[in-house]
Amino acid sequence: MEISVFIRKYAPLAGEAGWAFRIDPVVILAQAAIETGWGESTLCREYHNFFGITAYGLPNVWWTGRWTELSPRSLRFRIYPDDKCSFMDYCRLLRSAYPRAADMSANPTAFAKEIAYSPYISELNGDNRERYRETLVQLCHEIEPIYSSLKLSLIHISEPTRRTPIS
């Protein structure tokens, strides 16, 4: 998927989940881009899993407990009923399991270092922590101006609704 198309398509979900959990939507979009190859992965297209979240832990309001294995003996990944549930569950996970990273999300460099060197990234399944950190920072810098201009155009179209963020 083209970068600008990906950002336009998923910015509302990143914005809503980011607002609810106090996480910068730019880092949410950057992680979704890395984990899905800009929306092209089987995991996101068929199972609505935009963040490579494995099927560990208890079901919650966004994840019913369903999972899939992409190949024999692979990790089990969460299946979501829709894209929004994936974005919300990712932000819930980030805020609850990695609160320090979530608190740093307005600073992509600090966020990327914190998340890349956390248990969220697993070198056992082939992830390279330093490459992940560098890519995350680079994508945040690419996404930010597109997201900001999109956000500005949306502000002119509709009046924001007042909601209470999820703690």
Foldseek 3Di string as FASTA:
>chain_A
DDPLVLCVVCVVLLVVLCQQLVADSLLLSLQLCVQCVSVPRPCCVPQLASRQAFQDDDADPFFPSDWDAPDPPHTIHTGTPHNSSNSNVVSVCCCVVPVVLRVCRVPLLVNLLSCLPDPSDDCVVPDDSVVSSVSSSVSSVVSVVSSVVVVVVVVVVDPDDDDDHHD
